[in-house]
Amino acid sequence: MDSPPYQKLLAETEAAAQAAPAPGSPAEAEALGRFQTFFENMTPEQVANTVAQVYAPQAWLYDTLVLHHGIDEIKPYFIKTAERAAGVRVEVLDILRSGHDFYLKWSMDIDWSAFKKGKTTRSFGMSHLRFNDSGQVIMHYDFWDSTNGFFEHLPIIGAVIKWIKQKVATGS
């Protein structure tokens, strides 16, 4: 059975995550602050200048659309994301730490330039993060509704997805 690589990424990052910044430490606050600042208002320039401070060289990123491994894959992905939208803003609404794992609840606003000029969409999700001993992200695994947050806003396929959702909702 094909499934998202969650268990694999947990296993691969377990040892490094054991050295995450101590709970309540300044290093923990700095790591979380860097992550939040990175996503507050993404621009191509901001991503290019700060992504290596936020993500470790061998970090994993899974956002329900794609899986990337290493800063050499993560950096261009985030730059292209920022280029395709007039604005991407993520607000962290809550943070929970359990051992060396961090869970962040967030809202994301995207001002579309490539697909729906002038339209802003909002979606909500959760991210599971793990940090290394330097406070850099070594695993970023998102849980969010990419259909509502992305695919419904694409030309042609968006209308098909909305039609399918309507059929499922009405049972016809």
N, C-alpha and C. Protein backbone atom coordinates (compact mmCIF):
# COMPACT_ATOMS: atom_id res chain seq x y z
N MET A 1 0.84 -1.17 0.00
CA MET A 1 0.00 0.00 0.00
C MET A 1 0.89 1.24 0.00
N ASP A 2 0.64 2.15 -0.94
CA ASP A 2 1.35 3.42 -0.97
C ASP A 2 0.74 4.34 0.07
N SER A 3 1.58 5.01 0.82
CA SER A 3 1.10 5.97 1.80
C SER A 3 2.14 7.05 1.97
N PRO A 4 1.75 8.18 2.53
CA PRO A 4 2.74 9.23 2.78
C PRO A 4 3.87 8.67 3.66
N PRO A 5 5.05 9.21 3.54
CA PRO A 5 6.23 8.64 4.18
C PRO A 5 6.40 9.00 5.65
N TYR A 6 5.31 9.18 6.37
CA TYR A 6 5.38 9.68 7.74
C TYR A 6 6.24 8.79 8.65
N GLN A 7 5.95 7.51 8.70
CA GLN A 7 6.70 6.61 9.59
C GLN A 7 8.18 6.56 9.21
N LYS A 8 8.46 6.57 7.93
CA LYS A 8 9.85 6.56 7.46
C LYS A 8 10.58 7.81 7.94
N LEU A 9 9.95 8.96 7.81
CA LEU A 9 10.61 10.21 8.21
C LEU A 9 10.79 10.28 9.72
N LEU A 10 9.82 9.77 10.47
CA LEU A 10 9.98 9.73 11.92
C LEU A 10 11.19 8.89 12.30
N ALA A 11 11.32 7.73 11.69
CA ALA A 11 12.45 6.85 11.99
C ALA A 11 13.78 7.49 11.59
N GLU A 12 13.81 8.10 10.42
CA GLU A 12 15.07 8.68 9.92
C GLU A 12 15.53 9.90 10.71
N THR A 13 14.62 10.59 11.36
CA THR A 13 15.00 11.80 12.10
C THR A 13 15.05 11.60 13.61
N GLU A 14 14.75 10.41 14.08
CA GLU A 14 14.66 10.15 15.52
C GLU A 14 15.95 10.48 16.26
N ALA A 15 17.08 9.98 15.80
CA ALA A 15 18.34 10.20 16.51
C ALA A 15 18.70 11.68 16.59
N ALA A 16 18.61 12.38 15.47
CA ALA A 16 18.96 13.81 15.47
C ALA A 16 17.98 14.62 16.30
N ALA A 17 16.71 14.22 16.31
CA ALA A 17 15.69 14.96 17.07
C ALA A 17 15.91 14.83 18.58
N GLN A 18 16.59 13.79 19.01
CA GLN A 18 16.87 13.62 20.44
C GLN A 18 17.69 14.79 20.99
N ALA A 19 18.42 15.47 20.11
CA ALA A 19 19.26 16.59 20.53
C ALA A 19 18.58 17.94 20.33
N ALA A 20 17.26 17.94 20.15
CA ALA A 20 16.51 19.19 19.96
C ALA A 20 16.74 20.12 21.15
N PRO A 21 16.58 21.42 20.94
CA PRO A 21 16.74 22.36 22.05
C PRO A 21 15.87 21.97 23.25
N ALA A 22 16.38 22.22 24.43
CA ALA A 22 15.68 21.87 25.67
C ALA A 22 14.37 22.64 25.80
N PRO A 23 13.36 22.00 26.39
CA PRO A 23 12.07 22.68 26.59
C PRO A 23 12.24 23.98 27.37
N GLY A 24 11.64 25.04 26.88
CA GLY A 24 11.66 26.33 27.55
C GLY A 24 12.97 27.09 27.43
N SER A 25 13.92 26.56 26.68
CA SER A 25 15.24 27.20 26.57
C SER A 25 15.20 28.34 25.55
N PRO A 26 16.17 29.26 25.65
CA PRO A 26 16.27 30.29 24.62
C PRO A 26 16.47 29.69 23.22
N ALA A 27 17.21 28.58 23.14
CA ALA A 27 17.44 27.94 21.83
C ALA A 27 16.13 27.43 21.24
N GLU A 28 15.25 26.91 22.08
CA GLU A 28 13.94 26.46 21.60
C GLU A 28 13.14 27.64 21.07
N ALA A 29 13.11 28.73 21.83
CA ALA A 29 12.37 29.93 21.42
C ALA A 29 12.93 30.48 20.10
N GLU A 30 14.25 30.47 19.96
CA GLU A 30 14.87 30.96 18.72
C GLU A 30 14.51 30.08 17.53
N ALA A 31 14.54 28.77 17.70
CA ALA A 31 14.22 27.85 16.60
C ALA A 31 12.78 28.04 16.15
N LEU A 32 11.86 28.10 17.10
CA LEU A 32 10.45 28.31 16.75
C LEU A 32 10.24 29.69 16.14
N GLY A 33 10.93 30.68 16.67
CA GLY A 33 10.82 32.04 16.13
C GLY A 33 11.30 32.14 14.69
N ARG A 34 12.43 31.48 14.39
CA ARG A 34 12.93 31.47 13.00
C ARG A 34 11.92 30.84 12.06
N PHE A 35 11.32 29.73 12.50
CA PHE A 35 10.33 29.04 11.66
C PHE A 35 9.13 29.94 11.42
N GLN A 36 8.61 30.55 12.48
CA GLN A 36 7.43 31.41 12.34
C GLN A 36 7.73 32.61 11.45
N THR A 37 8.86 33.25 11.65
CA THR A 37 9.23 34.42 10.86
C THR A 37 9.38 34.06 9.38
N PHE A 38 9.93 32.89 9.11
CA PHE A 38 10.13 32.43 7.73
C PHE A 38 8.81 32.40 6.97
N PHE A 39 7.74 31.96 7.64
CA PHE A 39 6.45 31.79 6.96
C PHE A 39 5.50 32.97 7.12
N GLU A 40 5.85 33.97 7.90
CA GLU A 40 4.94 35.09 8.13
C GLU A 40 4.56 35.82 6.86
N ASN A 41 5.50 36.03 5.98
CA ASN A 41 5.24 36.74 4.73
C ASN A 41 6.31 36.34 3.72
N MET A 42 6.08 35.23 3.05
CA MET A 42 7.09 34.66 2.15
C MET A 42 7.24 35.47 0.86
N THR A 43 8.47 35.82 0.56
CA THR A 43 8.82 36.41 -0.74
C THR A 43 10.01 35.61 -1.28
N PRO A 44 10.23 35.63 -2.58
CA PRO A 44 11.38 34.89 -3.12
C PRO A 44 12.71 35.32 -2.49
N GLU A 45 12.89 36.62 -2.28
CA GLU A 45 14.13 37.12 -1.70
C GLU A 45 14.29 36.66 -0.26
N GLN A 46 13.22 36.75 0.51
CA GLN A 46 13.27 36.35 1.92
C GLN A 46 13.58 34.86 2.03
N VAL A 47 12.96 34.05 1.19
CA VAL A 47 13.22 32.60 1.21
C VAL A 47 14.68 32.34 0.88
N ALA A 48 15.18 32.94 -0.19
CA ALA A 48 16.57 32.72 -0.61
C ALA A 48 17.56 33.08 0.48
N ASN A 49 17.25 34.14 1.23
CA ASN A 49 18.18 34.64 2.24
C ASN A 49 18.11 33.91 3.57
N THR A 50 17.00 33.24 3.87
CA THR A 50 16.83 32.69 5.22
C THR A 50 16.56 31.19 5.31
N VAL A 51 16.27 30.53 4.21
CA VAL A 51 15.87 29.12 4.28
C VAL A 51 16.95 28.24 4.93
N ALA A 52 18.21 28.51 4.68
CA ALA A 52 19.29 27.69 5.25
C ALA A 52 19.47 27.91 6.75
N GLN A 53 18.93 29.00 7.27
CA GLN A 53 18.95 29.21 8.72
C GLN A 53 17.84 28.41 9.40
N VAL A 54 16.76 28.18 8.67
CA VAL A 54 15.58 27.51 9.22
C VAL A 54 15.67 25.99 9.05
N TYR A 55 16.08 25.53 7.87
CA TYR A 55 16.11 24.11 7.54
C TYR A 55 17.55 23.58 7.52
N ALA A 56 17.74 22.40 8.10
CA ALA A 56 19.05 21.74 8.11
C ALA A 56 19.42 21.27 6.70
N PRO A 57 20.71 21.06 6.44
CA PRO A 57 21.13 20.64 5.10
C PRO A 57 20.43 19.37 4.61
N GLN A 58 20.12 18.43 5.49
CA GLN A 58 19.47 17.17 5.09
C GLN A 58 18.03 17.08 5.60
N ALA A 59 17.36 18.20 5.74
CA ALA A 59 15.98 18.23 6.24
C ALA A 59 15.02 17.55 5.28
N TRP A 60 13.92 17.08 5.84
CA TRP A 60 12.81 16.52 5.06
C TRP A 60 11.63 17.47 5.12
N LEU A 61 10.96 17.66 3.99
CA LEU A 61 9.75 18.49 3.92
C LEU A 61 8.69 17.71 3.16
N TYR A 62 7.53 17.53 3.80
CA TYR A 62 6.38 16.92 3.13
C TYR A 62 5.19 17.82 3.40
N ASP A 63 4.59 18.38 2.34
CA ASP A 63 3.47 19.31 2.55
C ASP A 63 2.15 18.82 1.94
N THR A 64 1.98 17.54 1.80
CA THR A 64 0.85 16.83 1.20
C THR A 64 0.87 16.89 -0.32
N LEU A 65 1.62 17.79 -0.90
CA LEU A 65 1.74 17.86 -2.36
C LEU A 65 3.04 17.23 -2.84
N VAL A 66 4.10 17.46 -2.10
CA VAL A 66 5.42 16.99 -2.53
C VAL A 66 6.27 16.58 -1.33
N LEU A 67 7.27 15.76 -1.61
CA LEU A 67 8.27 15.38 -0.62
C LEU A 67 9.62 15.87 -1.12
N HIS A 68 10.32 16.62 -0.28
CA HIS A 68 11.66 17.10 -0.63
C HIS A 68 12.63 16.71 0.46
N HIS A 69 13.86 16.38 0.04
CA HIS A 69 14.91 16.02 0.98
C HIS A 69 16.13 16.88 0.70
N GLY A 70 16.54 17.62 1.70
CA GLY A 70 17.74 18.44 1.60
C GLY A 70 17.43 19.87 1.20
N ILE A 71 18.27 20.75 1.66
CA ILE A 71 18.09 22.18 1.42
C ILE A 71 18.15 22.50 -0.08
N ASP A 72 18.89 21.70 -0.85
CA ASP A 72 18.98 21.94 -2.29
C ASP A 72 17.67 21.67 -3.02
N GLU A 73 16.76 20.91 -2.42
CA GLU A 73 15.42 20.71 -2.98
C GLU A 73 14.41 21.65 -2.32
N ILE A 74 14.57 21.88 -1.03
CA ILE A 74 13.60 22.70 -0.28
C ILE A 74 13.67 24.16 -0.71
N LYS A 75 14.87 24.70 -0.86
CA LYS A 75 15.02 26.12 -1.20
C LYS A 75 14.33 26.48 -2.51
N PRO A 76 14.61 25.80 -3.64
CA PRO A 76 13.92 26.17 -4.88
C PRO A 76 12.42 25.95 -4.82
N TYR A 77 11.98 24.95 -4.06
CA TYR A 77 10.54 24.71 -3.92
C TYR A 77 9.85 25.91 -3.27
N PHE A 78 10.42 26.40 -2.18
CA PHE A 78 9.81 27.55 -1.51
C PHE A 78 9.94 28.82 -2.33
N ILE A 79 11.04 28.99 -3.05
CA ILE A 79 11.19 30.17 -3.91
C ILE A 79 10.11 30.16 -4.99
N LYS A 80 9.91 29.01 -5.65
CA LYS A 80 8.87 28.92 -6.69
C LYS A 80 7.48 29.15 -6.11
N THR A 81 7.24 28.63 -4.91
CA THR A 81 5.95 28.85 -4.25
C THR A 81 5.72 30.34 -4.05
N ALA A 82 6.73 31.04 -3.56
CA ALA A 82 6.60 32.48 -3.32
C ALA A 82 6.45 33.25 -4.63
N GLU A 83 7.10 32.79 -5.70
CA GLU A 83 7.00 33.47 -7.00
C GLU A 83 5.61 33.31 -7.62
N ARG A 84 4.97 32.19 -7.39
CA ARG A 84 3.68 31.91 -8.02
C ARG A 84 2.50 32.59 -7.34
N ALA A 85 2.73 33.17 -6.20
CA ALA A 85 1.66 33.85 -5.48
C ALA A 85 2.06 35.29 -5.24
N ALA A 86 1.08 36.16 -5.20
CA ALA A 86 1.35 37.56 -4.88
C ALA A 86 1.70 37.71 -3.41
N GLY A 87 1.30 36.74 -2.60
CA GLY A 87 1.63 36.75 -1.18
C GLY A 87 1.27 35.43 -0.54
N VAL A 88 2.15 34.96 0.34
CA VAL A 88 1.89 33.76 1.13
C VAL A 88 2.18 34.14 2.58
N ARG A 89 1.17 34.00 3.42
CA ARG A 89 1.33 34.34 4.83
C ARG A 89 0.79 33.20 5.69
N VAL A 90 1.61 32.79 6.63
CA VAL A 90 1.22 31.74 7.56
C VAL A 90 1.26 32.32 8.97
N GLU A 91 0.18 32.14 9.69
CA GLU A 91 0.12 32.56 11.08
C GLU A 91 0.03 31.32 11.96
N VAL A 92 1.00 31.17 12.86
CA VAL A 92 0.97 30.06 13.80
C VAL A 92 -0.02 30.41 14.90
N LEU A 93 -1.01 29.54 15.07
CA LEU A 93 -2.09 29.79 16.03
C LEU A 93 -1.84 29.12 17.38
N ASP A 94 -1.09 28.03 17.37
CA ASP A 94 -0.83 27.30 18.62
C ASP A 94 0.37 26.39 18.41
N ILE A 95 1.11 26.15 19.49
CA ILE A 95 2.27 25.26 19.46
C ILE A 95 2.17 24.31 20.64
N LEU A 96 2.41 23.03 20.36
CA LEU A 96 2.44 22.01 21.40
C LEU A 96 3.74 21.24 21.25
N ARG A 97 4.41 21.01 22.37
CA ARG A 97 5.61 20.18 22.36
C ARG A 97 5.32 18.90 23.11
N SER A 98 5.74 17.80 22.52
CA SER A 98 5.64 16.50 23.16
C SER A 98 6.98 15.80 22.96
N GLY A 99 7.76 15.72 24.01
CA GLY A 99 9.12 15.18 23.89
C GLY A 99 9.93 16.07 22.98
N HIS A 100 10.47 15.51 21.91
CA HIS A 100 11.26 16.30 20.96
C HIS A 100 10.47 16.62 19.69
N ASP A 101 9.16 16.46 19.77
CA ASP A 101 8.27 16.75 18.64
C ASP A 101 7.47 18.02 18.90
N PHE A 102 7.30 18.82 17.85
CA PHE A 102 6.54 20.06 17.93
C PHE A 102 5.38 19.98 16.95
N TYR A 103 4.20 20.42 17.41
CA TYR A 103 3.00 20.41 16.58
C TYR A 103 2.48 21.84 16.53
N LEU A 104 2.38 22.38 15.34
CA LEU A 104 1.96 23.77 15.16
C LEU A 104 0.65 23.80 14.38
N LYS A 105 -0.35 24.46 14.95
CA LYS A 105 -1.62 24.70 14.25
C LYS A 105 -1.49 26.06 13.58
N TRP A 106 -1.90 26.15 12.31
CA TRP A 106 -1.69 27.39 11.57
C TRP A 106 -2.83 27.69 10.61
N SER A 107 -2.86 28.95 10.19
CA SER A 107 -3.71 29.35 9.07
C SER A 107 -2.78 29.91 7.99
N MET A 108 -3.16 29.68 6.73
CA MET A 108 -2.34 30.14 5.62
C MET A 108 -3.22 30.92 4.65
N ASP A 109 -2.80 32.13 4.34
CA ASP A 109 -3.47 32.95 3.33
C ASP A 109 -2.57 33.01 2.10
N ILE A 110 -3.17 32.76 0.94
CA ILE A 110 -2.44 32.86 -0.33
C ILE A 110 -3.16 33.87 -1.21
N ASP A 111 -2.44 34.90 -1.63
CA ASP A 111 -2.94 35.85 -2.62
C ASP A 111 -2.49 35.33 -3.97
N TRP A 112 -3.44 34.85 -4.74
CA TRP A 112 -3.12 34.18 -6.00
C TRP A 112 -2.74 35.18 -7.08
N SER A 113 -1.64 34.90 -7.76
CA SER A 113 -1.29 35.68 -8.94
C SER A 113 -1.29 34.78 -10.17
N ALA A 114 -0.94 33.51 -9.99
CA ALA A 114 -0.84 32.60 -11.13
C ALA A 114 -2.19 32.05 -11.56
N PHE A 115 -3.12 31.84 -10.62
CA PHE A 115 -4.36 31.16 -10.97
C PHE A 115 -5.59 32.06 -10.87
N LYS A 116 -5.76 32.72 -9.77
CA LYS A 116 -6.95 33.54 -9.54
C LYS A 116 -6.51 34.92 -9.08
N LYS A 117 -6.11 35.72 -10.02
CA LYS A 117 -5.58 37.04 -9.69
C LYS A 117 -6.58 37.81 -8.83
N GLY A 118 -6.05 38.37 -7.75
CA GLY A 118 -6.87 39.18 -6.87
C GLY A 118 -7.66 38.39 -5.83
N LYS A 119 -7.59 37.07 -5.85
CA LYS A 119 -8.33 36.26 -4.89
C LYS A 119 -7.39 35.76 -3.81
N THR A 120 -7.84 35.86 -2.57
CA THR A 120 -7.10 35.33 -1.44
C THR A 120 -7.86 34.14 -0.89
N THR A 121 -7.14 33.06 -0.63
CA THR A 121 -7.75 31.89 -0.03
C THR A 121 -7.11 31.65 1.34
N ARG A 122 -7.87 31.05 2.21
CA ARG A 122 -7.37 30.72 3.55
C ARG A 122 -7.58 29.24 3.79
N SER A 123 -6.56 28.60 4.30
CA SER A 123 -6.69 27.21 4.71
C SER A 123 -6.03 27.04 6.08
N PHE A 124 -6.38 25.93 6.71
CA PHE A 124 -5.87 25.65 8.05
C PHE A 124 -5.18 24.30 8.04
N GLY A 125 -4.18 24.15 8.87
CA GLY A 125 -3.47 22.88 8.92
C GLY A 125 -2.63 22.76 10.18
N MET A 126 -1.92 21.65 10.22
CA MET A 126 -1.01 21.34 11.32
C MET A 126 0.33 20.92 10.72
N SER A 127 1.39 21.28 11.39
CA SER A 127 2.73 20.84 10.99
C SER A 127 3.37 20.10 12.15
N HIS A 128 3.99 18.99 11.84
CA HIS A 128 4.79 18.24 12.81
C HIS A 128 6.24 18.57 12.49
N LEU A 129 6.93 19.17 13.45
CA LEU A 129 8.32 19.57 13.26
C LEU A 129 9.25 18.83 14.19
N ARG A 130 10.46 18.61 13.71
CA ARG A 130 11.55 18.15 14.55
C ARG A 130 12.75 19.04 14.24
N PHE A 131 13.50 19.36 15.29
CA PHE A 131 14.68 20.21 15.17
C PHE A 131 15.94 19.42 15.53
N ASN A 132 17.07 19.84 14.97
CA ASN A 132 18.36 19.26 15.36
C ASN A 132 18.96 20.06 16.51
N ASP A 133 20.18 19.73 16.89
CA ASP A 133 20.82 20.41 18.01
C ASP A 133 21.17 21.86 17.71
N SER A 134 21.14 22.26 16.44
CA SER A 134 21.38 23.66 16.06
C SER A 134 20.08 24.45 15.96
N GLY A 135 18.96 23.81 16.26
CA GLY A 135 17.68 24.49 16.17
C GLY A 135 17.16 24.63 14.75
N GLN A 136 17.69 23.82 13.83
CA GLN A 136 17.20 23.82 12.45
C GLN A 136 16.19 22.69 12.27
N VAL A 137 15.22 22.92 11.40
CA VAL A 137 14.22 21.91 11.11
C VAL A 137 14.88 20.73 10.39
N ILE A 138 14.65 19.52 10.92
CA ILE A 138 15.13 18.31 10.23
C ILE A 138 13.96 17.52 9.65
N MET A 139 12.75 17.78 10.16
CA MET A 139 11.55 17.17 9.58
C MET A 139 10.41 18.17 9.69
N HIS A 140 9.75 18.41 8.59
CA HIS A 140 8.57 19.28 8.52
C HIS A 140 7.53 18.49 7.75
N TYR A 141 6.51 18.03 8.46
CA TYR A 141 5.47 17.19 7.86
C TYR A 141 4.14 17.89 8.07
N ASP A 142 3.51 18.29 6.97
CA ASP A 142 2.24 19.02 7.05
C ASP A 142 1.04 18.10 6.93
N PHE A 143 0.02 18.48 7.67
CA PHE A 143 -1.30 17.85 7.57
C PHE A 143 -2.26 18.98 7.24
N TRP A 144 -2.76 19.01 6.00
CA TRP A 144 -3.73 20.03 5.62
C TRP A 144 -4.51 19.56 4.41
N ASP A 145 -5.64 20.20 4.19
CA ASP A 145 -6.53 19.84 3.09
C ASP A 145 -6.06 20.55 1.82
N SER A 146 -5.20 19.88 1.06
CA SER A 146 -4.67 20.51 -0.15
C SER A 146 -5.73 20.66 -1.24
N THR A 147 -6.80 19.88 -1.16
CA THR A 147 -7.90 20.06 -2.13
C THR A 147 -8.53 21.42 -1.93
N ASN A 148 -8.90 21.73 -0.70
CA ASN A 148 -9.52 23.02 -0.40
C ASN A 148 -8.51 24.16 -0.48
N GLY A 149 -7.29 23.92 -0.03
CA GLY A 149 -6.30 24.97 0.03
C GLY A 149 -5.59 25.26 -1.28
N PHE A 150 -5.67 24.33 -2.24
CA PHE A 150 -4.92 24.53 -3.48
C PHE A 150 -5.69 24.08 -4.73
N PHE A 151 -6.00 22.79 -4.82
CA PHE A 151 -6.54 22.23 -6.07
C PHE A 151 -7.87 22.84 -6.50
N GLU A 152 -8.73 23.21 -5.55
CA GLU A 152 -10.01 23.83 -5.93
C GLU A 152 -9.84 25.16 -6.64
N HIS A 153 -8.68 25.75 -6.54
CA HIS A 153 -8.45 27.08 -7.10
C HIS A 153 -7.73 27.03 -8.44
N LEU A 154 -7.45 25.85 -8.93
CA LEU A 154 -6.81 25.70 -10.23
C LEU A 154 -7.86 25.77 -11.34
N PRO A 155 -7.48 26.33 -12.49
CA PRO A 155 -8.41 26.34 -13.62
C PRO A 155 -8.78 24.90 -14.02
N ILE A 156 -9.97 24.71 -14.43
CA ILE A 156 -10.55 23.45 -14.91
C ILE A 156 -10.67 22.41 -13.80
N ILE A 157 -9.56 21.96 -13.25
CA ILE A 157 -9.63 20.92 -12.23
C ILE A 157 -10.39 21.39 -10.99
N GLY A 158 -10.31 22.68 -10.68
CA GLY A 158 -11.04 23.21 -9.53
C GLY A 158 -12.54 23.01 -9.66
N ALA A 159 -13.08 23.26 -10.85
CA ALA A 159 -14.51 23.05 -11.07
C ALA A 159 -14.88 21.58 -10.95
N VAL A 160 -14.02 20.71 -11.44
CA VAL A 160 -14.27 19.26 -11.35
C VAL A 160 -14.27 18.82 -9.89
N ILE A 161 -13.32 19.29 -9.12
CA ILE A 161 -13.25 18.92 -7.71
C ILE A 161 -14.48 19.42 -6.95
N LYS A 162 -14.90 20.65 -7.21
CA LYS A 162 -16.10 21.17 -6.55
C LYS A 162 -17.33 20.34 -6.94
N TRP A 163 -17.42 19.92 -8.19
CA TRP A 163 -18.54 19.09 -8.64
C TRP A 163 -18.53 17.74 -7.91
N ILE A 164 -17.35 17.12 -7.81
CA ILE A 164 -17.23 15.84 -7.11
C ILE A 164 -17.63 15.99 -5.64
N LYS A 165 -17.15 17.04 -4.99
CA LYS A 165 -17.49 17.26 -3.58
C LYS A 165 -19.00 17.43 -3.40
N GLN A 166 -19.62 18.14 -4.33
CA GLN A 166 -21.07 18.34 -4.26
C GLN A 166 -21.79 17.00 -4.41
N LYS A 167 -21.33 16.16 -5.34
CA LYS A 167 -21.95 14.84 -5.55
C LYS A 167 -21.79 13.97 -4.30
N VAL A 168 -20.64 13.99 -3.69
CA VAL A 168 -20.42 13.20 -2.48
C VAL A 168 -21.30 13.72 -1.35
N ALA A 169 -21.39 15.03 -1.21
CA ALA A 169 -22.19 15.62 -0.13
C ALA A 169 -23.67 15.32 -0.27
N THR A 170 -24.16 15.28 -1.50
CA THR A 170 -25.60 15.04 -1.71
C THR A 170 -25.91 13.57 -1.91
N GLY A 171 -24.88 12.74 -2.01
CA GLY A 171 -25.10 11.31 -2.18
C GLY A 171 -25.61 10.92 -3.55
N SER A 172 -25.44 11.79 -4.53
CA SER A 172 -25.94 11.45 -5.87
C SER A 172 -24.82 11.17 -6.84
